[in-house]
C-alpha atoms as a PDB file:
ATOM      1  CA  MET A   1      77.887  12.000 134.909  1.00  0.00           C
ATOM      2  CA  ILE A   2      78.292  15.169 133.214  1.00  0.00           C
ATOM      3  CA  ILE A   3      75.262  17.562 131.942  1.00  0.00           C
ATOM      4  CA  TYR A   4      76.527  19.630 129.187  1.00  0.00           C
ATOM      5  CA  ASN A   5      73.510  22.259 129.371  1.00  0.00           C
ATOM      6  CA  VAL A   6      72.818  25.002 126.363  1.00  0.00           C
ATOM      7  CA  THR A   7      70.879  27.630 127.148  1.00  0.00           C
ATOM      8  CA  ILE A   8      68.978  29.650 124.121  1.00  0.00           C
ATOM      9  CA  SER A   9      67.002  32.855 124.252  1.00  0.00           C
ATOM     10  CA  VAL A  10      64.564  32.563 120.564  1.00  0.00           C
ATOM     11  CA  GLU A  11      62.927  35.771 119.265  1.00  0.00           C
ATOM     12  CA  GLU A  12      59.080  35.249 119.628  1.00  0.00           C
ATOM     13  CA  SER A  13      58.715  34.942 116.243  1.00  0.00           C
ATOM     14  CA  ILE A  14      60.580  31.846 115.680  1.00  0.00           C
ATOM     15  CA  THR A  15      59.758  30.078 118.501  1.00  0.00           C
ATOM     16  CA  SER A  16      57.686  27.518 117.228  1.00  0.00           C
ATOM     17  CA  ASP A  17      59.871  26.790 113.766  1.00  0.00           C
ATOM     18  CA  TRP A  18      62.883  27.055 116.533  1.00  0.00           C
ATOM     19  CA  LEU A  19      61.850  24.314 118.900  1.00  0.00           C
ATOM     20  CA  ALA A  20      59.989  22.027 115.876  1.00  0.00           C
ATOM     21  CA  TRP A  21      63.834  21.976 114.527  1.00  0.00           C
ATOM     22  CA  MET A  22      64.917  21.471 117.846  1.00  0.00           C
ATOM     23  CA  GLN A  23      62.923  18.132 118.469  1.00  0.00           C
ATOM     24  CA  HIS A  24      63.393  16.639 115.354  1.00  0.00           C
ATOM     25  CA  GLU A  25      66.660  17.411 113.521  1.00  0.00           C
ATOM     26  CA  HIS A  26      69.153  18.777 115.628  1.00  0.00           C
ATOM     27  CA  ILE A  27      68.754  16.811 119.082  1.00  0.00           C
ATOM     28  CA  PRO A  28      68.105  13.461 117.037  1.00  0.00           C
ATOM     29  CA  GLU A  29      71.603  14.561 115.092  1.00  0.00           C
ATOM     30  CA  VAL A  30      73.269  15.694 118.708  1.00  0.00           C
ATOM     31  CA  MET A  31      71.999  12.257 119.793  1.00  0.00           C
ATOM     32  CA  GLY A  32      73.540  10.411 116.598  1.00  0.00           C
ATOM     33  CA  CYS A  33      76.908  11.436 117.682  1.00  0.00           C
ATOM     34  CA  GLY A  34      77.029   8.537 119.562  1.00  0.00           C
ATOM     35  CA  ILE A  35      78.330  10.887 123.152  1.00  0.00           C
ATOM     36  CA  PHE A  36      75.178  11.370 124.991  1.00  0.00           C
ATOM     37  CA  THR A  37      72.964   9.100 126.557  1.00  0.00           C
ATOM     38  CA  LYS A  38      69.750  11.551 127.202  1.00  0.00           C
ATOM     39  CA  ALA A  39      68.936  14.555 126.048  1.00  0.00           C
ATOM     40  CA  GLN A  40      66.327  16.561 127.870  1.00  0.00           C
ATOM     41  CA  ILE A  41      64.479  19.885 126.373  1.00  0.00           C
ATOM     42  CA  ASN A  42      62.888  22.425 129.292  1.00  0.00           C
ATOM     43  CA  ARG A  43      61.403  25.942 128.907  1.00  0.00           C
ATOM     44  CA  VAL A  44      63.220  28.507 131.646  1.00  0.00           C
ATOM     45  CA  VAL A  45      59.913  29.622 133.355  1.00  0.00           C
ATOM     46  CA  THR A  46      61.026  32.303 135.648  1.00  0.00           C
ATOM     47  CA  ASN A  47      59.029  36.127 136.459  1.00  0.00           C
ATOM     48  CA  SER A  48      61.470  38.177 134.714  1.00  0.00           C
ATOM     49  CA  ASP A  49      61.784  35.660 131.554  1.00  0.00           C
ATOM     50  CA  SER A  50      59.620  35.489 127.940  1.00  0.00           C
ATOM     51  CA  ASP A  51      58.315  32.141 127.328  1.00  0.00           C
ATOM     52  CA  ASN A  52      61.157  31.890 124.690  1.00  0.00           C
ATOM     53  CA  THR A  53      63.831  30.831 126.835  1.00  0.00           C
ATOM     54  CA  PHE A  54      64.747  27.237 126.639  1.00  0.00           C
ATOM     55  CA  ALA A  55      67.646  24.385 128.651  1.00  0.00           C
ATOM     56  CA  ILE A  56      68.656  21.845 126.375  1.00  0.00           C
ATOM     57  CA  ALA A  57      70.592  19.047 128.866  1.00  0.00           C
ATOM     58  CA  TYR A  58      73.025  16.687 127.245  1.00  0.00           C
ATOM     59  CA  THR A  59      73.888  13.959 129.623  1.00  0.00           C
ATOM     60  CA  CYS A  60      77.325  12.066 128.902  1.00  0.00           C
ATOM     61  CA  LEU A  61      79.251   9.776 131.650  1.00  0.00           C
ATOM     62  CA  THR A  62      82.953  11.600 131.495  1.00  0.00           C
ATOM     63  CA  MET A  63      84.128  14.597 130.859  1.00  0.00           C
ATOM     64  CA  GLU A  64      86.506  12.592 127.877  1.00  0.00           C
ATOM     65  CA  GLU A  65      83.135  11.814 126.230  1.00  0.00           C
ATOM     66  CA  LEU A  66      82.231  15.929 126.398  1.00  0.00           C
ATOM     67  CA  HIS A  67      85.689  16.917 125.571  1.00  0.00           C
ATOM     68  CA  GLN A  68      85.504  14.078 122.428  1.00  0.00           C
ATOM     69  CA  TYR A  69      81.994  15.879 121.378  1.00  0.00           C
ATOM     70  CA  GLN A  70      83.286  19.337 121.794  1.00  0.00           C
ATOM     71  CA  LEU A  71      86.470  18.841 119.382  1.00  0.00           C
ATOM     72  CA  LYS A  72      84.604  16.081 116.743  1.00  0.00           C
ATOM     73  CA  PHE A  73      80.868  17.517 116.051  1.00  0.00           C
ATOM     74  CA  SER A  74      80.091  20.848 118.444  1.00  0.00           C
ATOM     75  CA  VAL A  75      81.614  23.148 116.083  1.00  0.00           C
ATOM     76  CA  GLY A  76      79.917  22.018 113.039  1.00  0.00           C
ATOM     77  CA  LEU A  77      76.500  21.534 114.651  1.00  0.00           C
ATOM     78  CA  GLN A  78      76.755  25.129 116.098  1.00  0.00           C
ATOM     79  CA  LYS A  79      77.648  26.203 112.662  1.00  0.00           C
ATOM     80  CA  LYS A  80      74.373  24.553 111.347  1.00  0.00           C
ATOM     81  CA  HIS A  81      72.041  26.451 114.584  1.00  0.00           C
ATOM     82  CA  ILE A  82      74.129  29.902 113.112  1.00  0.00           C
ATOM     83  CA  ALA A  83      73.243  29.094 109.713  1.00  0.00           C
ATOM     84  CA  ARG A  84      69.520  28.764 110.216  1.00  0.00           C
ATOM     85  CA  TYR A  85      68.576  30.931 112.943  1.00  0.00           C
ATOM     86  CA  GLY A  86      71.420  33.519 113.073  1.00  0.00           C
ATOM     87  CA  ASP A  87      70.971  36.559 115.541  1.00  0.00           C
ATOM     88  CA  LYS A  88      67.245  35.718 116.408  1.00  0.00           C
ATOM     89  CA  VAL A  89      68.615  33.215 119.112  1.00  0.00           C
ATOM     90  CA  VAL A  90      71.163  33.592 122.060  1.00  0.00           C
ATOM     91  CA  ALA A  91      73.045  30.343 123.199  1.00  0.00           C
ATOM     92  CA  PHE A  92      75.194  30.181 126.196  1.00  0.00           C
ATOM     93  CA  ARG A  93      76.390  27.115 127.494  1.00  0.00           C
ATOM     94  CA  THR A  94      77.627  25.223 130.835  1.00  0.00           C
ATOM     95  CA  ILE A  95      79.201  22.172 132.359  1.00  0.00           C
ATOM     96  CA  MET A  96      77.989  20.314 135.466  1.00  0.00           C
ATOM     97  CA  GLU A  97      79.265  17.582 137.173  1.00  0.00           C
ATOM     98  CA  MET A  98      76.550  15.272 138.789  1.00  0.00           C
ATOM     99  CA  ILE A  99      77.740  14.490 142.823  1.00  0.00           C
ATOM    100  CA  GLU A 100      74.745  12.496 143.373  1.00  0.00           C
ATOM    101  CA  GLU A 101      70.956  11.980 142.377  1.00  0.00           C
ATOM    102  CA  PHE A 102      68.648  11.547 145.058  1.00  0.00           C
END
């Protein structure tokens, strides 16, 4: 199983709008691509972080599926995100392979 994690720091002034847009538009659009089996949005909680950092974890079965998402869909979806929020958000992505779930 592959987890595609997008961690995003959001300016406080747009956090409510951004979170609603992610929940009602962006994540459903990503899931509509037919690649991921589930998505989870999490708030990053640390002593040194604000309440405005989130991690969205998308799960798919194989690296090949993730690669198809990256080739066919990710650029367009990222452009929509940038067009809407510009430099008020900073994102980075990581890919994890699940070894075992307990």
